Amino acid sequence: MPATADSLPISTAPSFAAAMARPLSGLTVLLVEDSRFASEAMRLLCLNAGARIRRADCIHAARRHLCVYRPHVVIVDLGLPDGMGEDLIADLHHATPRIDVILATSGNDDAEDRAIAAGADGFLAKPLTNLAQFQQAILRHLPEMHTGPQLVTGQTVTPDVFALNEDIRAVCDDLRAGRSDRAYLRQFLTGLSRLSPDSPASEAAEMIRDGAPTAAILDVLTPHLANARPV
C-alpha cells in the first residue's frame, strides 16, 4: 500500500508532505536563456518545485559554468546571442558523463524537432508557466535514484514585469548601437511576445521582418518602458 502523509507518524508527516510538494528538491538546474523575463518565469517554477537554479545568458557563459559545476538538469533556449542552442545540446548529449536531463525551450514552431535531433531529452514550448508541466518534463527523464514522492499541481507562475522591461530595454539598446543582428532580435522579440502577448514585442518583431527603420521600431518599444511600472 503506498505511503501517504496521513498514514505516517506525526513527526514525519510534515517532511513527507514537503517532499511531495517540492519533488525537485536537491536538484540543480542550469538555465541557458538570454531573456530576463523568461528566466524569471523559470526561476519561479524552480523555486516552487524545490530546485536550485543557475542562469547563463549565452553559450559561452554556459560552457564556462559547466567547467566548474555539473547540474542535474540543463535547459537550453535554442535562440541565443552567440550561437545555436542545438550545438550546445549536441555537445552535452555526447559528453561523458552525460547530464541527467537535457531539455530545450523555444517559442518557434519548428524548434522541437531540431532540439530532439540534437539530443535533447524533451522540449518546453514557450510560454511555460504551469508548474505541473514543468515538473513532469523533468521527472519523466530523471534516473530512478532522484525520483521520490511527487505531488503535481496545476499552479501557474507570473514573472515580474520588471524583467520584461529589462528585456525590451536591452533590445532598444542593441538597436541603437547595432550590436545584434536583426534576425536574432526578431527571434528574441517573437519569443518574448509569447510570454507577454500584451507587450509591443510582437509588433516590433513584425517590423523587423518587414525591414522597418530602427527609429520606427524604437517608437513602438520605448513608450512601453515609459508607461510600465515595476511590481
C-alpha atoms as a PDB file:
ATOM      1  CA  MET A   1       0.000   0.000   0.000  1.00  0.00           C
ATOM      2  CA  PRO A   2       1.567   3.359  -0.962  1.00  0.00           C
ATOM      3  CA  ALA A   3       2.529   5.626   1.909  1.00  0.00           C
ATOM      4  CA  THR A   4       0.561   8.811   2.415  1.00  0.00           C
ATOM      5  CA  ALA A   5       1.114  11.760   4.708  1.00  0.00           C
ATOM      6  CA  ASP A   6      -1.902  10.634   6.810  1.00  0.00           C
ATOM      7  CA  SER A   7      -0.504   7.144   7.342  1.00  0.00           C
ATOM      8  CA  LEU A   8       2.894   8.290   8.622  1.00  0.00           C
ATOM      9  CA  PRO A   9       3.787   9.137  12.224  1.00  0.00           C
ATOM     10  CA  ILE A  10       3.048  12.772  13.073  1.00  0.00           C
ATOM     11  CA  SER A  11       6.755  13.560  13.407  1.00  0.00           C
ATOM     12  CA  THR A  12       7.490  12.527   9.803  1.00  0.00           C
ATOM     13  CA  ALA A  13       4.319  13.653   8.034  1.00  0.00           C
ATOM     14  CA  PRO A  14       5.381  17.308   7.536  1.00  0.00           C
ATOM     15  CA  SER A  15       8.682  16.402   5.898  1.00  0.00           C
ATOM     16  CA  PHE A  16       6.978  13.816   3.689  1.00  0.00           C
ATOM     17  CA  ALA A  17       4.365  16.347   2.615  1.00  0.00           C
ATOM     18  CA  ALA A  18       7.099  18.911   1.928  1.00  0.00           C
ATOM     19  CA  ALA A  19       8.978  16.404  -0.234  1.00  0.00           C
ATOM     20  CA  MET A  20       5.829  15.654  -2.223  1.00  0.00           C
ATOM     21  CA  ALA A  21       5.122  19.349  -2.741  1.00  0.00           C
ATOM     22  CA  ARG A  22       8.680  20.028  -3.929  1.00  0.00           C
ATOM     23  CA  PRO A  23       9.616  16.949  -5.971  1.00  0.00           C
ATOM     24  CA  LEU A  24      12.744  18.548  -7.471  1.00  0.00           C
ATOM     25  CA  SER A  25      14.350  19.241  -4.086  1.00  0.00           C
ATOM     26  CA  GLY A  26      18.105  18.651  -4.157  1.00  0.00           C
ATOM     27  CA  LEU A  27      18.389  19.164  -7.911  1.00  0.00           C
ATOM     28  CA  THR A  28      20.306  21.948  -9.641  1.00  0.00           C
ATOM     29  CA  VAL A  29      19.026  23.357 -12.923  1.00  0.00           C
ATOM     30  CA  LEU A  30      21.256  25.298 -15.305  1.00  0.00           C
ATOM     31  CA  LEU A  31      19.129  27.556 -17.483  1.00  0.00           C
ATOM     32  CA  VAL A  32      20.763  28.854 -20.660  1.00  0.00           C
ATOM     33  CA  GLU A  33      18.441  31.714 -21.567  1.00  0.00           C
ATOM     34  CA  ASP A  34      19.035  35.267 -22.800  1.00  0.00           C
ATOM     35  CA  SER A  35      15.629  36.676 -21.811  1.00  0.00           C
ATOM     36  CA  ARG A  36      15.382  38.014 -18.270  1.00  0.00           C
ATOM     37  CA  PHE A  37      11.588  37.691 -18.409  1.00  0.00           C
ATOM     38  CA  ALA A  38      11.724  34.018 -19.433  1.00  0.00           C
ATOM     39  CA  SER A  39      14.427  33.428 -16.812  1.00  0.00           C
ATOM     40  CA  GLU A  40      12.227  34.947 -14.111  1.00  0.00           C
ATOM     41  CA  ALA A  41       9.374  32.590 -15.030  1.00  0.00           C
ATOM     42  CA  MET A  42      11.776  29.638 -14.884  1.00  0.00           C
ATOM     43  CA  ARG A  43      13.179  30.830 -11.544  1.00  0.00           C
ATOM     44  CA  LEU A  44       9.686  30.844 -10.053  1.00  0.00           C
ATOM     45  CA  LEU A  45       8.986  27.359 -11.419  1.00  0.00           C
ATOM     46  CA  CYS A  46      12.208  26.017  -9.915  1.00  0.00           C
ATOM     47  CA  LEU A  47      11.535  27.769  -6.616  1.00  0.00           C
ATOM     48  CA  ASN A  48       8.071  26.220  -6.317  1.00  0.00           C
ATOM     49  CA  ALA A  49       9.353  22.781  -7.328  1.00  0.00           C
ATOM     50  CA  GLY A  50      12.271  22.883  -4.867  1.00  0.00           C
ATOM     51  CA  ALA A  51      15.148  23.029  -7.376  1.00  0.00           C
ATOM     52  CA  ARG A  52      18.134  25.353  -7.298  1.00  0.00           C
ATOM     53  CA  ILE A  53      18.646  27.371 -10.462  1.00  0.00           C
ATOM     54  CA  ARG A  54      21.694  28.914 -12.092  1.00  0.00           C
ATOM     55  CA  ARG A  55      21.496  31.014 -15.239  1.00  0.00           C
ATOM     56  CA  ALA A  56      23.801  31.574 -18.190  1.00  0.00           C
ATOM     57  CA  ASP A  57      22.712  34.132 -20.782  1.00  0.00           C
ATOM     58  CA  CYS A  58      24.748  32.735 -23.686  1.00  0.00           C
ATOM     59  CA  ILE A  59      26.569  29.608 -24.848  1.00  0.00           C
ATOM     60  CA  HIS A  60      29.974  30.942 -23.792  1.00  0.00           C
ATOM     61  CA  ALA A  61      28.768  31.591 -20.243  1.00  0.00           C
ATOM     62  CA  ALA A  62      27.134  28.143 -20.115  1.00  0.00           C
ATOM     63  CA  ARG A  63      30.343  26.398 -21.145  1.00  0.00           C
ATOM     64  CA  ARG A  64      32.282  28.375 -18.543  1.00  0.00           C
ATOM     65  CA  HIS A  65      29.742  27.367 -15.910  1.00  0.00           C
ATOM     66  CA  LEU A  66      29.897  23.684 -16.903  1.00  0.00           C
ATOM     67  CA  CYS A  67      33.657  23.672 -16.393  1.00  0.00           C
ATOM     68  CA  VAL A  68      33.039  24.312 -12.695  1.00  0.00           C
ATOM     69  CA  TYR A  69      29.616  22.805 -11.862  1.00  0.00           C
ATOM     70  CA  ARG A  70      27.708  19.747 -13.018  1.00  0.00           C
ATOM     71  CA  PRO A  71      23.965  20.402 -12.797  1.00  0.00           C
ATOM     72  CA  HIS A  72      21.386  17.628 -12.821  1.00  0.00           C
ATOM     73  CA  VAL A  73      19.271  19.396 -15.447  1.00  0.00           C
ATOM     74  CA  VAL A  74      20.210  21.766 -18.274  1.00  0.00           C
ATOM     75  CA  ILE A  75      17.510  23.753 -20.070  1.00  0.00           C
ATOM     76  CA  VAL A  76      18.733  25.422 -23.264  1.00  0.00           C
ATOM     77  CA  ASP A  77      16.962  28.134 -25.230  1.00  0.00           C
ATOM     78  CA  LEU A  78      17.580  27.494 -28.923  1.00  0.00           C
ATOM     79  CA  GLY A  79      17.912  31.171 -29.878  1.00  0.00           C
ATOM     80  CA  LEU A  80      20.992  32.587 -28.155  1.00  0.00           C
ATOM     81  CA  PRO A  81      23.068  35.669 -28.956  1.00  0.00           C
ATOM     82  CA  ASP A  82      26.312  33.788 -29.649  1.00  0.00           C
ATOM     83  CA  GLY A  83      25.130  30.685 -31.449  1.00  0.00           C
ATOM     84  CA  MET A  84      22.541  27.955 -31.814  1.00  0.00           C
ATOM     85  CA  GLY A  85      21.312  26.170 -28.720  1.00  0.00           C
ATOM     86  CA  GLU A  86      21.302  22.900 -30.677  1.00  0.00           C
ATOM     87  CA  ASP A  87      25.107  22.965 -30.789  1.00  0.00           C
ATOM     88  CA  LEU A  88      25.343  23.131 -27.000  1.00  0.00           C
ATOM     89  CA  ILE A  89      22.704  20.404 -26.656  1.00  0.00           C
ATOM     90  CA  ALA A  90      24.643  18.120 -29.018  1.00  0.00           C
ATOM     91  CA  ASP A  91      27.849  18.621 -27.028  1.00  0.00           C
ATOM     92  CA  LEU A  92      26.058  17.888 -23.744  1.00  0.00           C
ATOM     93  CA  HIS A  93      24.360  14.815 -25.225  1.00  0.00           C
ATOM     94  CA  HIS A  94      27.662  13.282 -26.323  1.00  0.00           C
ATOM     95  CA  ALA A  95      29.627  14.245 -23.207  1.00  0.00           C
ATOM     96  CA  THR A  96      30.771  11.634 -20.683  1.00  0.00           C
ATOM     97  CA  PRO A  97      29.362  11.598 -18.084  1.00  0.00           C
ATOM     98  CA  ARG A  98      26.127  12.883 -19.590  1.00  0.00           C
ATOM     99  CA  ILE A  99      23.931  15.415 -17.802  1.00  0.00           C
ATOM    100  CA  ASP A 100      20.911  13.568 -16.368  1.00  0.00           C
ATOM    101  CA  VAL A 101      18.271  15.655 -18.150  1.00  0.00           C
ATOM    102  CA  ILE A 102      18.774  17.925 -21.182  1.00  0.00           C
ATOM    103  CA  LEU A 103      15.767  19.978 -22.227  1.00  0.00           C
ATOM    104  CA  ALA A 104      15.321  22.600 -24.924  1.00  0.00           C
ATOM    105  CA  THR A 105      12.998  25.582 -24.905  1.00  0.00           C
ATOM    106  CA  SER A 106      11.822  27.945 -27.622  1.00  0.00           C
ATOM    107  CA  GLY A 107       8.835  29.822 -28.947  1.00  0.00           C
ATOM    108  CA  ASN A 108       9.448  28.786 -32.569  1.00  0.00           C
ATOM    109  CA  ASP A 109       7.095  26.273 -34.160  1.00  0.00           C
ATOM    110  CA  ASP A 110       9.827  24.086 -35.691  1.00  0.00           C
ATOM    111  CA  ALA A 111      12.103  24.083 -32.651  1.00  0.00           C
ATOM    112  CA  GLU A 112      11.094  20.791 -31.035  1.00  0.00           C
ATOM    113  CA  ASP A 113      12.221  18.615 -33.946  1.00  0.00           C
ATOM    114  CA  ARG A 114      15.570  20.413 -34.093  1.00  0.00           C
ATOM    115  CA  ALA A 115      16.085  20.023 -30.349  1.00  0.00           C
ATOM    116  CA  ILE A 116      15.306  16.292 -30.272  1.00  0.00           C
ATOM    117  CA  ALA A 117      17.532  15.700 -33.303  1.00  0.00           C
ATOM    118  CA  ALA A 118      20.382  17.412 -31.464  1.00  0.00           C
ATOM    119  CA  GLY A 119      19.996  15.074 -28.483  1.00  0.00           C
ATOM    120  CA  ALA A 120      17.576  16.817 -26.101  1.00  0.00           C
ATOM    121  CA  ASP A 121      15.504  14.544 -23.865  1.00  0.00           C
ATOM    122  CA  GLY A 122      12.476  16.801 -24.123  1.00  0.00           C
ATOM    123  CA  PHE A 123      11.136  20.177 -25.140  1.00  0.00           C
ATOM    124  CA  LEU A 124       9.461  23.033 -23.252  1.00  0.00           C
ATOM    125  CA  ALA A 125       7.378  25.265 -25.501  1.00  0.00           C
ATOM    126  CA  LYS A 126       7.215  28.926 -24.545  1.00  0.00           C
ATOM    127  CA  PRO A 127       5.430  30.316 -22.723  1.00  0.00           C
ATOM    128  CA  LEU A 128       5.855  27.840 -19.859  1.00  0.00           C
ATOM    129  CA  THR A 129       4.178  28.986 -16.643  1.00  0.00           C
ATOM    130  CA  ASN A 130       2.458  25.789 -15.478  1.00  0.00           C
ATOM    131  CA  LEU A 131       4.220  24.112 -12.571  1.00  0.00           C
ATOM    132  CA  ALA A 132       2.836  20.639 -13.281  1.00  0.00           C
ATOM    133  CA  GLN A 133       4.080  20.661 -16.888  1.00  0.00           C
ATOM    134  CA  PHE A 134       7.500  21.855 -15.763  1.00  0.00           C
ATOM    135  CA  GLN A 135       7.858  19.202 -13.052  1.00  0.00           C
ATOM    136  CA  GLN A 136       6.654  16.386 -15.280  1.00  0.00           C
ATOM    137  CA  ALA A 137       9.027  17.371 -18.101  1.00  0.00           C
ATOM    138  CA  ILE A 138      11.965  16.859 -15.732  1.00  0.00           C
ATOM    139  CA  LEU A 139      10.690  13.965 -13.605  1.00  0.00           C
ATOM    140  CA  ARG A 140       9.924  11.713 -16.566  1.00  0.00           C
ATOM    141  CA  HIS A 141      13.594  11.773 -17.596  1.00  0.00           C
ATOM    142  CA  LEU A 142      15.314  11.637 -14.196  1.00  0.00           C
ATOM    143  CA  PRO A 143      17.203   8.479 -13.188  1.00  0.00           C
ATOM    144  CA  GLU A 144      15.363   6.430 -10.562  1.00  0.00           C
ATOM    145  CA  MET A 145      17.820   7.466  -7.841  1.00  0.00           C
ATOM    146  CA  HIS A 146      16.435  11.010  -7.995  1.00  0.00           C
ATOM    147  CA  THR A 147      12.730  10.226  -8.055  1.00  0.00           C
ATOM    148  CA  GLY A 148      10.637  10.112  -4.910  1.00  0.00           C
ATOM    149  CA  PRO A 149       7.181  11.106  -3.736  1.00  0.00           C
ATOM    150  CA  GLN A 150       5.556  13.549  -6.122  1.00  0.00           C
ATOM    151  CA  LEU A 151       2.659  15.944  -5.814  1.00  0.00           C
ATOM    152  CA  VAL A 152       1.860  17.604  -9.141  1.00  0.00           C
ATOM    153  CA  THR A 153      -0.326  20.712  -9.040  1.00  0.00           C
ATOM    154  CA  GLY A 154      -1.799  22.988 -11.679  1.00  0.00           C
ATOM    155  CA  GLN A 155      -0.220  26.093 -10.171  1.00  0.00           C
ATOM    156  CA  THR A 156       0.984  28.770 -12.591  1.00  0.00           C
ATOM    157  CA  VAL A 157       3.601  31.462 -12.131  1.00  0.00           C
ATOM    158  CA  THR A 158       3.601  35.088 -13.225  1.00  0.00           C
ATOM    159  CA  PRO A 159       7.043  36.615 -13.828  1.00  0.00           C
ATOM    160  CA  ASP A 160       7.732  40.170 -12.684  1.00  0.00           C
ATOM    161  CA  VAL A 161       7.019  42.825 -15.325  1.00  0.00           C
ATOM    162  CA  PHE A 162      10.297  44.498 -14.341  1.00  0.00           C
ATOM    163  CA  ALA A 163      12.127  41.624 -16.058  1.00  0.00           C
ATOM    164  CA  LEU A 164      10.054  42.222 -19.194  1.00  0.00           C
ATOM    165  CA  ASN A 165      11.043  45.898 -19.137  1.00  0.00           C
ATOM    166  CA  GLU A 166      14.707  44.899 -18.886  1.00  0.00           C
ATOM    167  CA  ASP A 167      14.361  42.670 -21.968  1.00  0.00           C
ATOM    168  CA  ILE A 168      12.715  45.444 -24.009  1.00  0.00           C
ATOM    169  CA  ARG A 169      15.284  47.967 -22.801  1.00  0.00           C
ATOM    170  CA  ALA A 170      18.097  45.626 -23.886  1.00  0.00           C
ATOM    171  CA  VAL A 171      16.545  45.300 -27.364  1.00  0.00           C
ATOM    172  CA  CYS A 172      16.288  49.090 -27.645  1.00  0.00           C
ATOM    173  CA  ASP A 173      19.935  49.478 -26.629  1.00  0.00           C
ATOM    174  CA  ASP A 174      21.011  46.845 -29.168  1.00  0.00           C
ATOM    175  CA  LEU A 175      19.018  48.521 -31.935  1.00  0.00           C
ATOM    176  CA  ARG A 176      20.565  51.921 -31.209  1.00  0.00           C
ATOM    177  CA  ALA A 177      24.097  50.528 -31.008  1.00  0.00           C
ATOM    178  CA  GLY A 178      23.755  47.932 -33.768  1.00  0.00           C
ATOM    179  CA  ARG A 179      25.266  45.265 -31.509  1.00  0.00           C
ATOM    180  CA  SER A 180      22.994  42.374 -32.522  1.00  0.00           C
ATOM    181  CA  ASP A 181      21.851  41.291 -35.964  1.00  0.00           C
ATOM    182  CA  ARG A 182      18.201  41.805 -36.760  1.00  0.00           C
ATOM    183  CA  ALA A 183      17.454  38.128 -37.274  1.00  0.00           C
ATOM    184  CA  TYR A 184      18.441  37.430 -33.678  1.00  0.00           C
ATOM    185  CA  LEU A 185      16.452  40.421 -32.357  1.00  0.00           C
ATOM    186  CA  ARG A 186      13.373  39.345 -34.298  1.00  0.00           C
ATOM    187  CA  GLN A 187      13.639  35.839 -32.851  1.00  0.00           C
ATOM    188  CA  PHE A 188      14.136  37.254 -29.348  1.00  0.00           C
ATOM    189  CA  LEU A 189      11.091  39.524 -29.633  1.00  0.00           C
ATOM    190  CA  THR A 190       8.949  36.717 -31.060  1.00  0.00           C
ATOM    191  CA  GLY A 191       9.722  34.558 -28.041  1.00  0.00           C
ATOM    192  CA  LEU A 192       9.040  37.489 -25.743  1.00  0.00           C
ATOM    193  CA  SER A 193       5.656  38.101 -27.366  1.00  0.00           C
ATOM    194  CA  ARG A 194       4.568  34.568 -26.468  1.00  0.00           C
ATOM    195  CA  LEU A 195       5.444  35.174 -22.839  1.00  0.00           C
ATOM    196  CA  SER A 196       3.771  38.584 -22.791  1.00  0.00           C
ATOM    197  CA  PRO A 197       1.101  38.941 -25.503  1.00  0.00           C
ATOM    198  CA  ASP A 198       0.173  42.439 -24.270  1.00  0.00           C
ATOM    199  CA  SER A 199       3.667  43.809 -24.829  1.00  0.00           C
ATOM    200  CA  PRO A 200       4.761  45.509 -28.085  1.00  0.00           C
ATOM    201  CA  ALA A 201       7.204  42.659 -28.785  1.00  0.00           C
ATOM    202  CA  SER A 202       5.088  41.018 -31.493  1.00  0.00           C
ATOM    203  CA  GLU A 203       4.599  44.255 -33.415  1.00  0.00           C
ATOM    204  CA  ALA A 204       8.302  45.083 -33.184  1.00  0.00           C
ATOM    205  CA  ALA A 205       9.243  41.592 -34.418  1.00  0.00           C
ATOM    206  CA  GLU A 206       6.985  42.012 -37.449  1.00  0.00           C
ATOM    207  CA  MET A 207       8.501  45.427 -38.159  1.00  0.00           C
ATOM    208  CA  ILE A 208      11.990  43.926 -38.127  1.00  0.00           C
ATOM    209  CA  ARG A 209      10.790  41.195 -40.506  1.00  0.00           C
ATOM    210  CA  ASP A 210       9.434  43.860 -42.846  1.00  0.00           C
ATOM    211  CA  GLY A 211      12.666  45.877 -42.777  1.00  0.00           C
ATOM    212  CA  ALA A 212      11.324  48.864 -40.845  1.00  0.00           C
ATOM    213  CA  PRO A 213      13.868  51.538 -39.870  1.00  0.00           C
ATOM    214  CA  THR A 214      15.329  51.480 -36.386  1.00  0.00           C
ATOM    215  CA  ALA A 215      13.636  54.731 -35.377  1.00  0.00           C
ATOM    216  CA  ALA A 216      10.185  53.331 -36.180  1.00  0.00           C
ATOM    217  CA  ILE A 217      10.802  50.184 -34.158  1.00  0.00           C
ATOM    218  CA  LEU A 218      12.015  52.245 -31.212  1.00  0.00           C
ATOM    219  CA  ASP A 219       8.861  54.347 -31.451  1.00  0.00           C
ATOM    220  CA  VAL A 220       6.869  51.167 -30.790  1.00  0.00           C
ATOM    221  CA  LEU A 221       9.039  49.835 -27.981  1.00  0.00           C
ATOM    222  CA  THR A 222      10.031  52.861 -25.923  1.00  0.00           C
ATOM    223  CA  PRO A 223       6.504  54.017 -24.887  1.00  0.00           C
ATOM    224  CA  HIS A 224       6.088  50.653 -23.144  1.00  0.00           C
ATOM    225  CA  LEU A 225       9.113  51.433 -20.995  1.00  0.00           C
ATOM    226  CA  ALA A 226       7.838  54.897 -20.182  1.00  0.00           C
ATOM    227  CA  ASN A 227       4.415  53.613 -19.139  1.00  0.00           C
ATOM    228  CA  ALA A 228       5.457  50.429 -17.327  1.00  0.00           C
ATOM    229  CA  ARG A 229       5.980  50.359 -13.598  1.00  0.00           C
ATOM    230  CA  PRO A 230       7.914  47.606 -11.804  1.00  0.00           C
ATOM    231  CA  VAL A 231       5.833  45.475  -9.463  1.00  0.00           C
END
